[in-house]
C-alpha atoms as a PDB file:
ATOM      1  CA  MET A   1     109.634  34.406 121.619  1.00  0.00           C
ATOM      2  CA  SER A   2     107.198  35.683 118.945  1.00  0.00           C
ATOM      3  CA  ALA A   3     109.519  38.359 117.379  1.00  0.00           C
ATOM      4  CA  SER A   4     109.466  39.316 114.200  1.00  0.00           C
ATOM      5  CA  VAL A   5     112.243  40.253 112.294  1.00  0.00           C
ATOM      6  CA  HIS A   6     112.598  42.710 110.180  1.00  0.00           C
ATOM      7  CA  PRO A   7     114.365  43.366 107.506  1.00  0.00           C
ATOM      8  CA  ARG A   8     115.198  47.114 108.349  1.00  0.00           C
ATOM      9  CA  CYS A   9     117.215  45.652 111.902  1.00  0.00           C
ATOM     10  CA  PHE A  10     114.087  46.129 114.182  1.00  0.00           C
ATOM     11  CA  ARG A  11     112.024  43.340 115.799  1.00  0.00           C
ATOM     12  CA  ASP A  12     108.132  43.684 116.680  1.00  0.00           C
ATOM     13  CA  VAL A  13     107.518  42.588 120.573  1.00  0.00           C
ATOM     14  CA  THR A  14     103.594  42.068 121.476  1.00  0.00           C
ATOM     15  CA  PRO A  15     101.801  43.745 124.551  1.00  0.00           C
ATOM     16  CA  GLY A  16     102.443  40.604 126.622  1.00  0.00           C
ATOM     17  CA  GLU A  17     105.876  39.947 126.545  1.00  0.00           C
ATOM     18  CA  LEU A  18     106.786  43.794 126.694  1.00  0.00           C
ATOM     19  CA  ALA A  19     105.160  43.493 129.953  1.00  0.00           C
ATOM     20  CA  GLN A  20     107.066  40.390 130.297  1.00  0.00           C
ATOM     21  CA  ARG A  21     110.493  41.295 129.729  1.00  0.00           C
ATOM     22  CA  PRO A  22     110.876  45.188 129.011  1.00  0.00           C
ATOM     23  CA  ARG A  23     113.041  45.861 126.091  1.00  0.00           C
ATOM     24  CA  GLY A  24     115.101  49.156 127.224  1.00  0.00           C
ATOM     25  CA  ARG A  25     113.771  52.425 127.170  1.00  0.00           C
ATOM     26  CA  LEU A  26     110.325  53.464 126.147  1.00  0.00           C
ATOM     27  CA  ILE A  27     110.078  55.870 123.403  1.00  0.00           C
ATOM     28  CA  ASP A  28     106.374  56.640 122.763  1.00  0.00           C
ATOM     29  CA  VAL A  29     106.717  59.071 119.158  1.00  0.00           C
ATOM     30  CA  ARG A  30     102.982  60.126 118.813  1.00  0.00           C
ATOM     31  CA  GLU A  31     101.562  63.486 119.508  1.00  0.00           C
ATOM     32  CA  PRO A  32     101.446  65.648 122.554  1.00  0.00           C
ATOM     33  CA  HIS A  33      97.679  65.310 122.249  1.00  0.00           C
ATOM     34  CA  GLU A  34      97.304  61.569 122.271  1.00  0.00           C
ATOM     35  CA  LEU A  35      99.330  60.977 125.192  1.00  0.00           C
ATOM     36  CA  ALA A  36      96.976  62.160 127.424  1.00  0.00           C
ATOM     37  CA  GLY A  37      94.203  61.159 125.420  1.00  0.00           C
ATOM     38  CA  GLU A  38      91.914  57.886 125.411  1.00  0.00           C
ATOM     39  CA  LEU A  39      94.511  55.016 124.836  1.00  0.00           C
ATOM     40  CA  GLY A  40      96.968  56.513 127.798  1.00  0.00           C
ATOM     41  CA  HIS A  41     100.814  55.857 127.492  1.00  0.00           C
ATOM     42  CA  LEU A  42     103.169  53.197 129.577  1.00  0.00           C
ATOM     43  CA  ALA A  43     104.125  54.328 132.418  1.00  0.00           C
ATOM     44  CA  GLY A  44     108.081  55.584 132.145  1.00  0.00           C
ATOM     45  CA  ALA A  45     107.606  56.096 128.416  1.00  0.00           C
ATOM     46  CA  GLU A  46     109.379  59.098 126.998  1.00  0.00           C
ATOM     47  CA  LEU A  47     107.551  61.445 124.703  1.00  0.00           C
ATOM     48  CA  VAL A  48     109.433  62.485 121.555  1.00  0.00           C
ATOM     49  CA  PRO A  49     107.097  62.866 118.619  1.00  0.00           C
ATOM     50  CA  LEU A  50     108.063  61.110 115.241  1.00  0.00           C
ATOM     51  CA  GLY A  51     108.838  64.770 113.879  1.00  0.00           C
ATOM     52  CA  THR A  52     111.214  65.780 116.228  1.00  0.00           C
ATOM     53  CA  LEU A  53     112.908  62.417 116.532  1.00  0.00           C
ATOM     54  CA  PRO A  54     116.110  62.940 114.291  1.00  0.00           C
ATOM     55  CA  ALA A  55     117.186  65.699 115.892  1.00  0.00           C
ATOM     56  CA  VAL A  56     116.791  63.889 119.243  1.00  0.00           C
ATOM     57  CA  ALA A  57     117.735  60.819 118.826  1.00  0.00           C
ATOM     58  CA  ARG A  58     121.219  62.096 117.310  1.00  0.00           C
ATOM     59  CA  THR A  59     122.350  62.691 121.322  1.00  0.00           C
ATOM     60  CA  TRP A  60     121.050  59.158 122.145  1.00  0.00           C
ATOM     61  CA  SER A  61     124.097  56.158 122.074  1.00  0.00           C
ATOM     62  CA  ARG A  62     123.219  53.734 119.449  1.00  0.00           C
ATOM     63  CA  ASP A  63     124.088  50.914 122.190  1.00  0.00           C
ATOM     64  CA  GLU A  64     120.613  51.895 123.632  1.00  0.00           C
ATOM     65  CA  GLU A  65     118.206  49.127 123.716  1.00  0.00           C
ATOM     66  CA  LEU A  66     115.283  50.823 122.209  1.00  0.00           C
ATOM     67  CA  THR A  67     110.808  50.413 122.062  1.00  0.00           C
ATOM     68  CA  LEU A  68     109.172  52.545 119.629  1.00  0.00           C
ATOM     69  CA  VAL A  69     105.194  53.004 120.654  1.00  0.00           C
ATOM     70  CA  CYS A  70     102.652  54.680 118.493  1.00  0.00           C
ATOM     71  CA  ARG A  71      98.973  54.441 118.858  1.00  0.00           C
ATOM     72  CA  SER A  72      98.424  51.466 115.769  1.00  0.00           C
ATOM     73  CA  GLY A  73     102.268  49.977 115.384  1.00  0.00           C
ATOM     74  CA  ASN A  74     102.520  52.063 112.362  1.00  0.00           C
ATOM     75  CA  ARG A  75     105.203  55.238 112.663  1.00  0.00           C
ATOM     76  CA  SER A  76     106.592  53.479 116.061  1.00  0.00           C
ATOM     77  CA  ALA A  77     107.806  50.790 112.813  1.00  0.00           C
ATOM     78  CA  GLN A  78     108.618  54.217 111.026  1.00  0.00           C
ATOM     79  CA  ALA A  79     110.241  55.736 113.639  1.00  0.00           C
ATOM     80  CA  ALA A  80     111.853  52.528 114.278  1.00  0.00           C
ATOM     81  CA  ALA A  81     113.334  51.921 110.707  1.00  0.00           C
ATOM     82  CA  LEU A  82     114.746  55.771 110.614  1.00  0.00           C
ATOM     83  CA  LEU A  83     116.483  54.487 113.864  1.00  0.00           C
ATOM     84  CA  CYS A  84     117.764  51.476 111.725  1.00  0.00           C
ATOM     85  CA  GLN A  85     118.974  54.490 109.039  1.00  0.00           C
ATOM     86  CA  LEU A  86     120.808  56.701 112.067  1.00  0.00           C
ATOM     87  CA  GLY A  87     122.765  53.259 113.385  1.00  0.00           C
ATOM     88  CA  PHE A  88     120.831  52.038 115.796  1.00  0.00           C
ATOM     89  CA  ARG A  89     120.927  48.270 115.533  1.00  0.00           C
ATOM     90  CA  ARG A  90     118.990  46.982 119.153  1.00  0.00           C
ATOM     91  CA  LEU A  91     115.388  48.618 118.265  1.00  0.00           C
ATOM     92  CA  TRP A  92     111.949  47.221 119.086  1.00  0.00           C
ATOM     93  CA  ASN A  93     107.724  48.276 117.771  1.00  0.00           C
ATOM     94  CA  LEU A  94     105.146  47.571 120.092  1.00  0.00           C
ATOM     95  CA  ALA A  95     102.721  45.949 117.205  1.00  0.00           C
ATOM     96  CA  GLY A  96      99.475  47.308 117.534  1.00  0.00           C
ATOM     97  CA  GLY A  97     100.369  50.123 119.837  1.00  0.00           C
ATOM     98  CA  MET A  98      98.388  51.702 122.425  1.00  0.00           C
ATOM     99  CA  LEU A  99      95.559  49.777 120.589  1.00  0.00           C
ATOM    100  CA  ALA A 100      97.218  46.534 121.248  1.00  0.00           C
ATOM    101  CA  VAL A 101      98.181  47.203 124.294  1.00  0.00           C
ATOM    102  CA  ARG A 102      94.606  48.593 125.639  1.00  0.00           C
ATOM    103  CA  ALA A 103      92.977  45.375 124.035  1.00  0.00           C
ATOM    104  CA  GLY A 104      94.727  43.918 126.277  1.00  0.00           C
ATOM    105  CA  ASP A 105      94.660  45.528 129.062  1.00  0.00           C
ATOM    106  CA  ARG A 106      98.900  45.814 129.681  1.00  0.00           C
ATOM    107  CA  GLY A 107     100.569  48.446 131.385  1.00  0.00           C
ATOM    108  CA  ALA A 108      98.802  51.675 130.139  1.00  0.00           C
ATOM    109  CA  GLN A 109      97.893  54.544 132.562  1.00  0.00           C
ATOM    110  CA  PRO A 110      94.979  57.449 131.486  1.00  0.00           C
END
């Protein structure tokens, strides 16, 4: 597997790897207008904008496997780092975000 490990306790996953083996709950940290925008969203993704993540995540099990998604992979990496600080350890960041998904046209919905 080509997933890279970050020192902050999360790994990157490519859209192809995610399509081959789903990695827990999908958490989309974009804003609502982005979810409905031209890049679409991944089927089953839960919308939790980055600004609301700390409060919402406090109710989640620290044992859950979570994959974080955004437009380009930057906000989702920030979200993964934040979740690390909150004690989560089973975290994936969708490298390249929805831009990478759309480039490969895998799993997105308009």
